[in-house]
Amino acid sequence: MASELERLTAPCGLYCGACSIGLAGRRRDAKLLKEIAEVLTIQQGQPVQVDDLACDGCLSDEVVAIVCRNCELRACALKKGVRHCSECPDFPCQPLVDFSKDGLPHHGEILDSISRQRKIGLDAWAEEQRLRWRCPKCGGDVDWYADQCYDCGAKLTPQFSPPQVRGVDPSNSS
């Protein structure tokens, strides 16, 4: 069985511990999960239910989050017999490069993340990420787009700006 940090280290170089969907699920934040499902419904053009968002990390026993369950990068790594793209002799491959340029701000750093994993090792990188995605005031977990700590309410400087979704006004979020 994989450790928590292993489960939260996605094959593609993302840190699942800062995933908005995963963190909302671990916090049992029904309101945020509903908002995410509504945004994904618009993005994907098909209904997304809150149940479609359950996830415990890319390397957990069961990946059910709709945005990750059919991940070609995860499937490729597993097919090649590696758990992470940092272990793959074909890094950087075109699918990873394309993924890093798909318009989602947090995807834009995966190539640097994988290079860092190769330099310092997966465990050290995962620990860096675990610390990076913490509230500096209370130490609570925060996600890629958080502008406020979920635990103490402290204002944060978001590391990424939320992606724009056609049909959703981010300033009108309730």
Protein backbone atom coordinates (compact mmCIF):
# COMPACT_ATOMS: atom_id res chain seq x y z
CA MET A 1 0.00 0.00 0.00
CA ALA A 2 1.36 3.42 -0.98
CA SER A 3 2.08 6.06 1.65
CA GLU A 4 0.04 9.26 1.63
CA LEU A 5 2.86 11.25 -0.02
CA GLU A 6 3.26 8.52 -2.68
CA ARG A 7 -0.48 8.56 -3.44
CA LEU A 8 -0.38 12.34 -3.75
CA THR A 9 2.55 12.39 -6.18
CA ALA A 10 0.94 12.04 -9.60
CA PRO A 11 2.87 10.30 -12.37
CA CYS A 12 2.74 13.51 -14.46
CA GLY A 13 4.48 15.71 -11.89
CA LEU A 14 1.44 17.23 -10.22
CA TYR A 15 1.11 17.23 -6.44
CA CYS A 16 -2.38 15.83 -5.83
CA GLY A 17 -2.28 17.16 -2.27
CA ALA A 18 -2.95 20.64 -3.68
CA CYS A 19 -5.69 19.49 -6.04
CA SER A 20 -8.83 21.58 -5.55
CA ILE A 21 -11.02 18.52 -6.10
CA GLY A 22 -9.07 16.19 -3.83
CA LEU A 23 -8.71 18.73 -1.04
CA ALA A 24 -12.43 19.60 -1.16
CA GLY A 25 -13.18 15.88 -0.92
CA ARG A 26 -10.81 15.31 2.00
CA ARG A 27 -12.36 18.32 3.76
CA ARG A 28 -15.86 17.03 2.96
CA ASP A 29 -16.65 20.49 1.58
CA ALA A 30 -19.98 19.78 -0.14
CA LYS A 31 -20.43 23.40 -1.26
CA LEU A 32 -17.05 23.57 -3.03
CA LEU A 33 -17.51 20.12 -4.57
CA LYS A 34 -20.87 21.24 -5.96
CA GLU A 35 -19.28 24.40 -7.43
CA ILE A 36 -16.48 22.34 -9.01
CA ALA A 37 -19.04 19.90 -10.47
CA GLU A 38 -20.94 22.85 -11.99
CA VAL A 39 -17.78 24.28 -13.58
CA LEU A 40 -16.74 20.88 -14.93
CA THR A 41 -20.24 20.36 -16.36
CA ILE A 42 -19.76 23.56 -18.38
CA GLN A 43 -16.18 22.68 -19.37
CA GLN A 44 -16.96 19.13 -20.41
CA GLY A 45 -20.39 19.77 -21.89
CA GLN A 46 -21.91 16.89 -19.95
CA PRO A 47 -23.31 16.57 -16.44
CA VAL A 48 -20.73 16.06 -13.70
CA GLN A 49 -22.01 14.97 -10.29
CA VAL A 50 -20.27 15.44 -6.94
CA ASP A 51 -19.85 11.63 -6.80
CA ASP A 52 -17.75 11.94 -9.99
CA LEU A 53 -15.14 13.89 -8.00
CA ALA A 54 -14.14 11.36 -5.34
CA CYS A 55 -10.37 10.85 -5.35
CA ASP A 56 -7.55 10.01 -2.97
CA GLY A 57 -4.66 10.76 -5.32
CA CYS A 58 -3.46 9.47 -8.65
CA LEU A 59 -1.65 6.50 -7.20
CA SER A 60 -4.39 5.46 -4.79
CA ASP A 61 -6.04 2.10 -5.30
CA GLU A 62 -9.03 3.64 -7.04
CA VAL A 63 -8.96 6.87 -9.05
CA VAL A 64 -12.53 7.93 -9.55
CA ALA A 65 -12.32 11.68 -10.13
CA ILE A 66 -13.77 12.22 -13.59
CA VAL A 67 -10.90 14.48 -14.66
CA CYS A 68 -8.29 11.86 -13.74
CA ARG A 69 -9.83 8.42 -14.16
CA ASN A 70 -8.90 8.11 -17.83
CA CYS A 71 -5.59 9.96 -17.66
CA GLU A 72 -3.39 8.97 -20.59
CA LEU A 73 -0.23 10.05 -18.76
CA ARG A 74 -0.99 7.83 -15.75
CA ALA A 75 -1.87 4.93 -18.07
CA CYS A 76 1.34 5.43 -20.05
CA ALA A 77 3.52 5.39 -16.94
CA LEU A 78 1.87 2.25 -15.62
CA LYS A 79 2.12 0.58 -19.05
CA LYS A 80 5.85 1.35 -19.14
CA GLY A 81 6.27 -0.11 -15.66
CA VAL A 82 7.10 3.19 -13.93
CA ARG A 83 5.05 4.95 -11.29
CA HIS A 84 6.23 8.45 -12.24
CA CYS A 85 7.29 10.14 -15.45
CA SER A 86 10.48 11.15 -13.63
CA GLU A 87 11.52 7.48 -13.88
CA CYS A 88 10.83 7.27 -17.61
CA PRO A 89 13.75 7.31 -20.07
CA ASP A 90 11.51 9.05 -22.62
CA PHE A 91 11.10 12.20 -20.48
CA PRO A 92 10.19 14.75 -21.70
CA CYS A 93 7.71 13.23 -24.11
CA GLN A 94 5.29 15.13 -26.34
CA PRO A 95 2.17 14.19 -24.32
CA LEU A 96 3.76 15.73 -21.20
CA VAL A 97 4.78 18.85 -23.11
CA ASP A 98 1.25 19.17 -24.50
CA PHE A 99 -0.26 18.66 -21.03
CA SER A 100 1.98 21.40 -19.63
CA LYS A 101 0.61 23.80 -22.26
CA ASP A 102 -3.10 22.97 -22.02
CA GLY A 103 -4.03 26.30 -20.43
CA LEU A 104 -4.46 25.15 -16.84
CA PRO A 105 -1.95 27.16 -14.83
CA HIS A 106 -0.98 24.37 -12.42
CA HIS A 107 -0.19 22.07 -15.36
CA GLY A 108 2.37 24.61 -16.59
CA GLU A 109 4.94 23.62 -13.98
CA ILE A 110 4.97 19.84 -14.43
CA LEU A 111 8.13 19.70 -16.55
CA ASP A 112 10.03 21.67 -13.89
CA SER A 113 8.50 19.47 -11.19
CA ILE A 114 9.60 16.28 -12.92
CA SER A 115 13.10 17.69 -13.42
CA ARG A 116 13.18 18.56 -9.71
CA GLN A 117 12.00 15.04 -8.81
CA ARG A 118 14.87 13.60 -10.84
CA LYS A 119 17.34 15.90 -9.09
CA ILE A 120 16.29 15.47 -5.43
CA GLY A 121 14.12 12.33 -5.49
CA LEU A 122 10.38 11.82 -5.25
CA ASP A 123 10.17 11.77 -1.45
CA ALA A 124 12.06 15.05 -1.04
CA TRP A 125 10.01 16.68 -3.82
CA ALA A 126 6.74 15.48 -2.28
CA GLU A 127 7.78 16.90 1.08
CA GLU A 128 8.64 20.24 -0.56
CA GLN A 129 5.19 20.28 -2.13
CA ARG A 130 3.45 19.31 1.10
CA LEU A 131 5.09 22.30 2.79
CA ARG A 132 4.50 24.61 -0.19
CA TRP A 133 0.76 24.02 -0.13
CA ARG A 134 0.23 24.96 3.52
CA CYS A 135 -1.17 28.12 5.03
CA PRO A 136 1.76 30.13 6.43
CA LYS A 137 -0.39 31.19 9.39
CA CYS A 138 -1.96 27.94 10.64
CA GLY A 139 -0.39 25.18 8.50
CA GLY A 140 -3.72 24.06 7.03
CA ASP A 141 -3.77 22.49 3.57
CA VAL A 142 -4.55 24.82 0.66
CA ASP A 143 -5.09 24.17 -3.01
CA TRP A 144 -3.58 25.50 -6.22
CA TYR A 145 -6.06 28.37 -6.51
CA ALA A 146 -6.78 29.24 -2.87
CA ASP A 147 -6.85 32.91 -1.97
CA GLN A 148 -7.92 32.21 1.59
CA CYS A 149 -7.06 29.46 4.08
CA TYR A 150 -9.91 27.00 4.53
CA ASP A 151 -9.01 26.51 8.21
CA CYS A 152 -8.18 29.93 9.64
CA GLY A 153 -9.46 32.27 6.91
CA ALA A 154 -6.08 33.97 6.44
CA LYS A 155 -5.72 35.77 3.12
CA LEU A 156 -3.27 34.03 0.81
CA THR A 157 -1.46 35.11 -2.30
CA PRO A 158 -2.70 32.55 -4.82
CA GLN A 159 0.12 30.79 -6.61
CA PHE A 160 -2.07 30.42 -9.69
CA SER A 161 -4.98 32.42 -11.05
CA PRO A 162 -8.13 30.35 -11.51
CA PRO A 163 -8.65 29.29 -15.10
CA GLN A 164 -11.36 31.18 -16.94
CA VAL A 165 -14.38 29.07 -17.71
CA ARG A 166 -16.73 30.19 -20.43
CA GLY A 167 -20.17 30.75 -18.95
CA VAL A 168 -18.93 31.14 -15.38
CA ASP A 169 -18.26 34.52 -13.81
CA PRO A 170 -15.54 33.87 -11.16
CA SER A 171 -16.37 37.15 -9.40
CA ASN A 172 -19.93 35.90 -8.84
CA SER A 173 -19.00 32.78 -6.89
CA SER A 174 -21.20 32.20 -3.88
